Amino acid sequence: MSHTLLLIDDNPIQAATRQTILRRAGYVVIAVLNPERALDQLRRQNFPGDIDLVITDHIMPSLSGAEFVTQLRVFAPHLPVLVISGLAEAQGEYRDLNVDFRVKPLLPESLLSRVQALLELHGSATT
């Protein structure tokens, strides 16, 4: 069983790089460059299947990662979220939002191990 990951990053190069890393590891990855669009699609369950994990950037022009997660938690309180940021001090914005926060650069091995750990923690990892 492959897992479906939603990757949100307004930087197309970052999104493509992470998408490639994750796909090579066997995940189905849906990349969305606009966090508002991703939120709308999640709310309407407008994806081909269930999303097992969300990976989002922190700094985005229309909606910050923290704003995105705050809105996501209204209708998906238990969906695992990995936040990746270049700003360590941004971690405080995610207090009480139940996310895994990591600081860039996040090496491919670290990205893959965090994704696997979050899927295991939330009971969706392949055994």
N, C-alpha and C. Protein backbone atom coordinates (compact mmCIF):
# COMPACT_ATOMS: atom_id res chain seq x y z
N MET A 1 0.85 -1.19 0.00
CA MET A 1 0.00 0.00 0.00
C MET A 1 0.89 1.24 0.00
N SER A 2 0.64 2.12 -0.96
CA SER A 2 1.41 3.36 -0.95
C SER A 2 0.60 4.45 -0.26
N HIS A 3 1.29 5.37 0.32
CA HIS A 3 0.67 6.46 1.05
C HIS A 3 0.65 7.71 0.19
N THR A 4 -0.40 8.50 0.36
CA THR A 4 -0.54 9.73 -0.39
C THR A 4 -0.18 10.91 0.49
N LEU A 5 0.78 11.69 0.01
CA LEU A 5 1.25 12.85 0.74
C LEU A 5 0.87 14.11 -0.03
N LEU A 6 0.43 15.12 0.70
CA LEU A 6 0.14 16.42 0.11
C LEU A 6 1.29 17.35 0.46
N LEU A 7 1.96 17.87 -0.56
CA LEU A 7 3.12 18.72 -0.40
C LEU A 7 2.75 20.14 -0.81
N ILE A 8 2.88 21.09 0.12
CA ILE A 8 2.52 22.47 -0.16
C ILE A 8 3.76 23.35 -0.01
N ASP A 9 4.12 24.00 -1.12
CA ASP A 9 5.26 24.91 -1.11
C ASP A 9 5.09 25.87 -2.27
N ASP A 10 5.17 27.15 -2.01
CA ASP A 10 5.00 28.14 -3.08
C ASP A 10 6.22 28.22 -4.00
N ASN A 11 7.32 27.60 -3.60
CA ASN A 11 8.53 27.59 -4.41
C ASN A 11 8.51 26.32 -5.28
N PRO A 12 8.30 26.45 -6.59
CA PRO A 12 8.18 25.26 -7.44
C PRO A 12 9.43 24.38 -7.46
N ILE A 13 10.59 24.98 -7.30
CA ILE A 13 11.83 24.18 -7.30
C ILE A 13 11.91 23.33 -6.04
N GLN A 14 11.63 23.94 -4.89
CA GLN A 14 11.61 23.18 -3.63
C GLN A 14 10.56 22.08 -3.69
N ALA A 15 9.38 22.42 -4.20
CA ALA A 15 8.29 21.43 -4.27
C ALA A 15 8.69 20.26 -5.17
N ALA A 16 9.27 20.56 -6.33
CA ALA A 16 9.67 19.51 -7.27
C ALA A 16 10.76 18.62 -6.68
N THR A 17 11.71 19.23 -5.99
CA THR A 17 12.80 18.47 -5.38
C THR A 17 12.26 17.51 -4.32
N ARG A 18 11.44 18.03 -3.42
CA ARG A 18 10.88 17.16 -2.36
C ARG A 18 9.96 16.09 -2.96
N GLN A 19 9.19 16.49 -3.96
CA GLN A 19 8.29 15.54 -4.61
C GLN A 19 9.09 14.37 -5.21
N THR A 20 10.19 14.67 -5.85
CA THR A 20 11.04 13.63 -6.44
C THR A 20 11.60 12.70 -5.37
N ILE A 21 12.12 13.27 -4.30
CA ILE A 21 12.68 12.47 -3.20
C ILE A 21 11.62 11.51 -2.64
N LEU A 22 10.44 12.04 -2.40
CA LEU A 22 9.37 11.24 -1.80
C LEU A 22 8.83 10.20 -2.78
N ARG A 23 8.70 10.56 -4.04
CA ARG A 23 8.22 9.59 -5.04
C ARG A 23 9.19 8.43 -5.21
N ARG A 24 10.48 8.74 -5.20
CA ARG A 24 11.49 7.68 -5.33
C ARG A 24 11.43 6.71 -4.15
N ALA A 25 10.93 7.20 -3.01
CA ALA A 25 10.79 6.33 -1.83
C ALA A 25 9.47 5.56 -1.86
N GLY A 26 8.67 5.76 -2.91
CA GLY A 26 7.45 4.97 -3.07
C GLY A 26 6.16 5.65 -2.66
N TYR A 27 6.22 6.91 -2.32
CA TYR A 27 5.01 7.63 -1.93
C TYR A 27 4.32 8.24 -3.15
N VAL A 28 3.01 8.36 -3.07
CA VAL A 28 2.26 9.13 -4.04
C VAL A 28 2.28 10.56 -3.50
N VAL A 29 2.74 11.51 -4.31
CA VAL A 29 2.89 12.88 -3.84
C VAL A 29 2.11 13.84 -4.72
N ILE A 30 1.23 14.60 -4.08
CA ILE A 30 0.48 15.64 -4.78
C ILE A 30 1.08 16.97 -4.34
N ALA A 31 1.65 17.70 -5.29
CA ALA A 31 2.26 18.99 -4.96
C ALA A 31 1.29 20.11 -5.33
N VAL A 32 1.10 21.03 -4.38
CA VAL A 32 0.24 22.19 -4.59
C VAL A 32 1.06 23.43 -4.23
N LEU A 33 1.08 24.41 -5.12
CA LEU A 33 1.89 25.61 -4.89
C LEU A 33 1.14 26.69 -4.12
N ASN A 34 -0.17 26.54 -3.97
CA ASN A 34 -0.99 27.55 -3.32
C ASN A 34 -1.67 26.95 -2.09
N PRO A 35 -1.34 27.43 -0.87
CA PRO A 35 -1.92 26.84 0.33
C PRO A 35 -3.44 27.01 0.44
N GLU A 36 -3.97 28.10 -0.10
CA GLU A 36 -5.42 28.29 -0.06
C GLU A 36 -6.13 27.26 -0.92
N ARG A 37 -5.56 26.97 -2.08
CA ARG A 37 -6.14 25.94 -2.95
C ARG A 37 -6.07 24.58 -2.26
N ALA A 38 -4.94 24.29 -1.64
CA ALA A 38 -4.79 23.00 -0.95
C ALA A 38 -5.82 22.87 0.17
N LEU A 39 -6.02 23.94 0.91
CA LEU A 39 -7.00 23.94 2.01
C LEU A 39 -8.40 23.67 1.47
N ASP A 40 -8.74 24.34 0.38
CA ASP A 40 -10.06 24.16 -0.23
C ASP A 40 -10.23 22.72 -0.70
N GLN A 41 -9.22 22.18 -1.36
CA GLN A 41 -9.30 20.80 -1.85
C GLN A 41 -9.39 19.80 -0.69
N LEU A 42 -8.67 20.05 0.39
CA LEU A 42 -8.75 19.17 1.56
C LEU A 42 -10.14 19.25 2.18
N ARG A 43 -10.65 20.45 2.31
CA ARG A 43 -11.97 20.65 2.92
C ARG A 43 -13.04 19.90 2.11
N ARG A 44 -12.94 19.96 0.78
CA ARG A 44 -13.93 19.31 -0.08
C ARG A 44 -13.57 17.86 -0.41
N GLN A 45 -12.45 17.38 0.15
CA GLN A 45 -11.94 16.04 -0.13
C GLN A 45 -11.85 15.82 -1.64
N ASN A 46 -11.26 16.81 -2.31
CA ASN A 46 -11.16 16.82 -3.76
C ASN A 46 -9.81 16.29 -4.24
N PHE A 47 -9.42 15.14 -3.71
CA PHE A 47 -8.21 14.45 -4.14
C PHE A 47 -8.59 13.04 -4.55
N PRO A 48 -7.75 12.38 -5.34
CA PRO A 48 -8.09 11.02 -5.80
C PRO A 48 -8.29 10.01 -4.67
N GLY A 49 -7.70 10.26 -3.53
CA GLY A 49 -7.84 9.34 -2.39
C GLY A 49 -7.60 10.09 -1.11
N ASP A 50 -7.50 9.36 -0.02
CA ASP A 50 -7.24 9.99 1.27
C ASP A 50 -5.81 10.52 1.32
N ILE A 51 -5.65 11.64 1.97
CA ILE A 51 -4.32 12.20 2.22
C ILE A 51 -3.85 11.65 3.56
N ASP A 52 -2.68 11.01 3.57
CA ASP A 52 -2.15 10.40 4.80
C ASP A 52 -1.28 11.36 5.60
N LEU A 53 -0.72 12.36 4.93
CA LEU A 53 0.22 13.28 5.58
C LEU A 53 0.32 14.55 4.75
N VAL A 54 0.40 15.69 5.43
CA VAL A 54 0.60 16.98 4.77
C VAL A 54 2.00 17.47 5.13
N ILE A 55 2.73 17.92 4.12
CA ILE A 55 4.05 18.55 4.31
C ILE A 55 3.90 19.97 3.79
N THR A 56 4.18 20.95 4.64
CA THR A 56 4.02 22.34 4.22
C THR A 56 5.22 23.19 4.59
N ASP A 57 5.44 24.19 3.77
CA ASP A 57 6.44 25.21 4.03
C ASP A 57 5.83 26.18 5.05
N HIS A 58 6.67 26.96 5.71
CA HIS A 58 6.17 27.94 6.67
C HIS A 58 5.88 29.28 6.00
N ILE A 59 6.86 29.83 5.27
CA ILE A 59 6.70 31.15 4.68
C ILE A 59 6.16 31.02 3.26
N MET A 60 4.92 31.48 3.08
CA MET A 60 4.29 31.50 1.76
C MET A 60 3.55 32.83 1.65
N PRO A 61 3.42 33.36 0.45
CA PRO A 61 2.89 34.72 0.31
C PRO A 61 1.42 34.91 0.71
N SER A 62 0.56 33.97 0.39
CA SER A 62 -0.87 34.20 0.63
C SER A 62 -1.33 33.74 2.01
N LEU A 63 -0.72 32.72 2.52
CA LEU A 63 -1.15 32.12 3.79
C LEU A 63 0.07 31.46 4.39
N SER A 64 0.44 31.82 5.61
CA SER A 64 1.61 31.19 6.22
C SER A 64 1.29 29.74 6.57
N GLY A 65 2.32 28.97 6.81
CA GLY A 65 2.12 27.60 7.23
C GLY A 65 1.28 27.51 8.49
N ALA A 66 1.53 28.42 9.44
CA ALA A 66 0.77 28.40 10.70
C ALA A 66 -0.70 28.73 10.45
N GLU A 67 -0.97 29.69 9.59
CA GLU A 67 -2.36 30.02 9.25
C GLU A 67 -3.03 28.85 8.54
N PHE A 68 -2.29 28.22 7.64
CA PHE A 68 -2.81 27.05 6.94
C PHE A 68 -3.19 25.95 7.92
N VAL A 69 -2.26 25.61 8.83
CA VAL A 69 -2.52 24.53 9.78
C VAL A 69 -3.66 24.89 10.73
N THR A 70 -3.73 26.14 11.16
CA THR A 70 -4.82 26.58 12.03
C THR A 70 -6.17 26.32 11.36
N GLN A 71 -6.28 26.67 10.09
CA GLN A 71 -7.54 26.45 9.37
C GLN A 71 -7.78 24.97 9.11
N LEU A 72 -6.71 24.23 8.82
CA LEU A 72 -6.82 22.79 8.59
C LEU A 72 -7.35 22.07 9.83
N ARG A 73 -6.88 22.48 10.99
CA ARG A 73 -7.27 21.81 12.24
C ARG A 73 -8.76 21.92 12.55
N VAL A 74 -9.45 22.89 11.95
CA VAL A 74 -10.89 23.04 12.15
C VAL A 74 -11.63 21.80 11.64
N PHE A 75 -11.20 21.27 10.49
CA PHE A 75 -11.91 20.12 9.92
C PHE A 75 -11.07 18.85 9.83
N ALA A 76 -9.79 18.94 10.14
CA ALA A 76 -8.92 17.75 10.12
C ALA A 76 -7.96 17.81 11.32
N PRO A 77 -8.52 17.66 12.53
CA PRO A 77 -7.70 17.85 13.73
C PRO A 77 -6.58 16.83 13.92
N HIS A 78 -6.68 15.65 13.28
CA HIS A 78 -5.70 14.60 13.54
C HIS A 78 -4.83 14.25 12.33
N LEU A 79 -5.01 14.97 11.23
CA LEU A 79 -4.19 14.70 10.04
C LEU A 79 -2.74 15.07 10.34
N PRO A 80 -1.81 14.14 10.16
CA PRO A 80 -0.40 14.46 10.44
C PRO A 80 0.13 15.55 9.52
N VAL A 81 0.89 16.48 10.11
CA VAL A 81 1.46 17.60 9.37
C VAL A 81 2.93 17.75 9.72
N LEU A 82 3.76 17.86 8.69
CA LEU A 82 5.17 18.15 8.83
C LEU A 82 5.39 19.56 8.29
N VAL A 83 5.90 20.45 9.12
CA VAL A 83 6.19 21.82 8.71
C VAL A 83 7.70 21.96 8.55
N ILE A 84 8.11 22.53 7.42
CA ILE A 84 9.53 22.75 7.15
C ILE A 84 9.74 24.25 6.99
N SER A 85 10.66 24.81 7.78
CA SER A 85 10.89 26.25 7.76
C SER A 85 12.37 26.58 7.84
N GLY A 86 12.72 27.68 7.23
CA GLY A 86 14.08 28.20 7.35
C GLY A 86 14.26 29.00 8.63
N LEU A 87 13.18 29.25 9.34
CA LEU A 87 13.21 30.06 10.56
C LEU A 87 12.92 29.20 11.80
N ALA A 88 13.95 28.92 12.57
CA ALA A 88 13.75 28.13 13.78
C ALA A 88 12.78 28.80 14.74
N GLU A 89 12.82 30.14 14.79
CA GLU A 89 11.97 30.87 15.72
C GLU A 89 10.48 30.77 15.36
N ALA A 90 10.16 30.30 14.17
CA ALA A 90 8.75 30.16 13.77
C ALA A 90 8.07 29.00 14.49
N GLN A 91 8.84 28.13 15.11
CA GLN A 91 8.26 26.95 15.77
C GLN A 91 7.19 27.34 16.78
N GLY A 92 7.37 28.46 17.47
CA GLY A 92 6.41 28.90 18.46
C GLY A 92 5.02 29.16 17.89
N GLU A 93 4.95 29.48 16.60
CA GLU A 93 3.65 29.74 15.97
C GLU A 93 2.81 28.48 15.85
N TYR A 94 3.44 27.32 16.03
CA TYR A 94 2.75 26.04 15.85
C TYR A 94 2.39 25.37 17.17
N ARG A 95 2.63 26.08 18.27
CA ARG A 95 2.30 25.53 19.58
C ARG A 95 0.82 25.16 19.59
N ASP A 96 0.49 24.01 20.08
CA ASP A 96 -0.88 23.51 20.19
C ASP A 96 -1.53 23.19 18.84
N LEU A 97 -0.76 23.12 17.76
CA LEU A 97 -1.34 22.78 16.46
C LEU A 97 -1.02 21.34 16.04
N ASN A 98 -0.33 20.59 16.91
CA ASN A 98 -0.05 19.19 16.67
C ASN A 98 0.66 18.96 15.33
N VAL A 99 1.84 19.58 15.18
CA VAL A 99 2.64 19.39 13.98
C VAL A 99 4.04 18.92 14.35
N ASP A 100 4.73 18.38 13.37
CA ASP A 100 6.14 18.06 13.51
C ASP A 100 6.88 19.18 12.76
N PHE A 101 7.67 19.97 13.49
CA PHE A 101 8.34 21.14 12.93
C PHE A 101 9.81 20.83 12.71
N ARG A 102 10.30 21.08 11.51
CA ARG A 102 11.71 20.86 11.17
C ARG A 102 12.28 22.09 10.50
N VAL A 103 13.56 22.35 10.75
CA VAL A 103 14.24 23.52 10.19
C VAL A 103 15.03 23.10 8.94
N LYS A 104 14.96 23.95 7.90
CA LYS A 104 15.76 23.74 6.69
C LYS A 104 17.22 24.02 7.00
N PRO A 105 18.12 23.42 6.30
CA PRO A 105 17.87 22.43 5.25
C PRO A 105 17.52 21.08 5.86
N LEU A 106 16.59 20.43 5.24
CA LEU A 106 16.19 19.09 5.68
C LEU A 106 16.71 18.11 4.64
N LEU A 107 17.73 17.39 4.99
CA LEU A 107 18.35 16.45 4.05
C LEU A 107 17.35 15.36 3.66
N PRO A 108 17.51 14.80 2.46
CA PRO A 108 16.56 13.77 2.00
C PRO A 108 16.35 12.63 3.01
N GLU A 109 17.43 12.16 3.64
CA GLU A 109 17.29 11.06 4.60
C GLU A 109 16.45 11.49 5.80
N SER A 110 16.63 12.73 6.23
CA SER A 110 15.86 13.25 7.36
C SER A 110 14.40 13.43 6.98
N LEU A 111 14.15 13.93 5.79
CA LEU A 111 12.78 14.08 5.31
C LEU A 111 12.08 12.73 5.29
N LEU A 112 12.72 11.74 4.71
CA LEU A 112 12.11 10.41 4.61
C LEU A 112 11.90 9.77 5.98
N SER A 113 12.85 9.94 6.89
CA SER A 113 12.68 9.34 8.21
C SER A 113 11.56 10.02 9.00
N ARG A 114 11.41 11.35 8.84
CA ARG A 114 10.31 12.06 9.53
C ARG A 114 8.96 11.63 8.97
N VAL A 115 8.87 11.51 7.65
CA VAL A 115 7.62 11.09 7.02
C VAL A 115 7.25 9.69 7.51
N GLN A 116 8.20 8.77 7.50
CA GLN A 116 7.93 7.40 7.96
C GLN A 116 7.51 7.39 9.43
N ALA A 117 8.21 8.16 10.25
CA ALA A 117 7.88 8.21 11.69
C ALA A 117 6.47 8.77 11.91
N LEU A 118 6.10 9.80 11.18
CA LEU A 118 4.76 10.38 11.34
C LEU A 118 3.68 9.41 10.87
N LEU A 119 3.93 8.71 9.78
CA LEU A 119 2.96 7.73 9.31
C LEU A 119 2.80 6.60 10.33
N GLU A 120 3.91 6.16 10.89
CA GLU A 120 3.86 5.11 11.93
C GLU A 120 3.12 5.60 13.16
N LEU A 121 3.43 6.81 13.59
CA LEU A 121 2.80 7.37 14.78
C LEU A 121 1.29 7.48 14.62
N HIS A 122 0.86 7.77 13.41
CA HIS A 122 -0.57 7.95 13.16
C HIS A 122 -1.22 6.69 12.58
N GLY A 123 -0.50 5.58 12.66
CA GLY A 123 -1.10 4.30 12.29
C GLY A 123 -1.32 4.08 10.81
N SER A 124 -0.61 4.82 9.96
CA SER A 124 -0.79 4.59 8.52
C SER A 124 0.46 4.09 7.83
N ALA A 125 1.44 3.65 8.58
CA ALA A 125 2.67 3.18 7.95
C ALA A 125 2.49 1.77 7.41
N THR A 126 3.22 1.50 6.36
CA THR A 126 3.21 0.16 5.79
C THR A 126 4.01 -0.75 6.70
N THR A 127 3.50 -1.92 6.94
CA THR A 127 4.24 -2.87 7.80
C THR A 127 4.81 -3.99 6.99
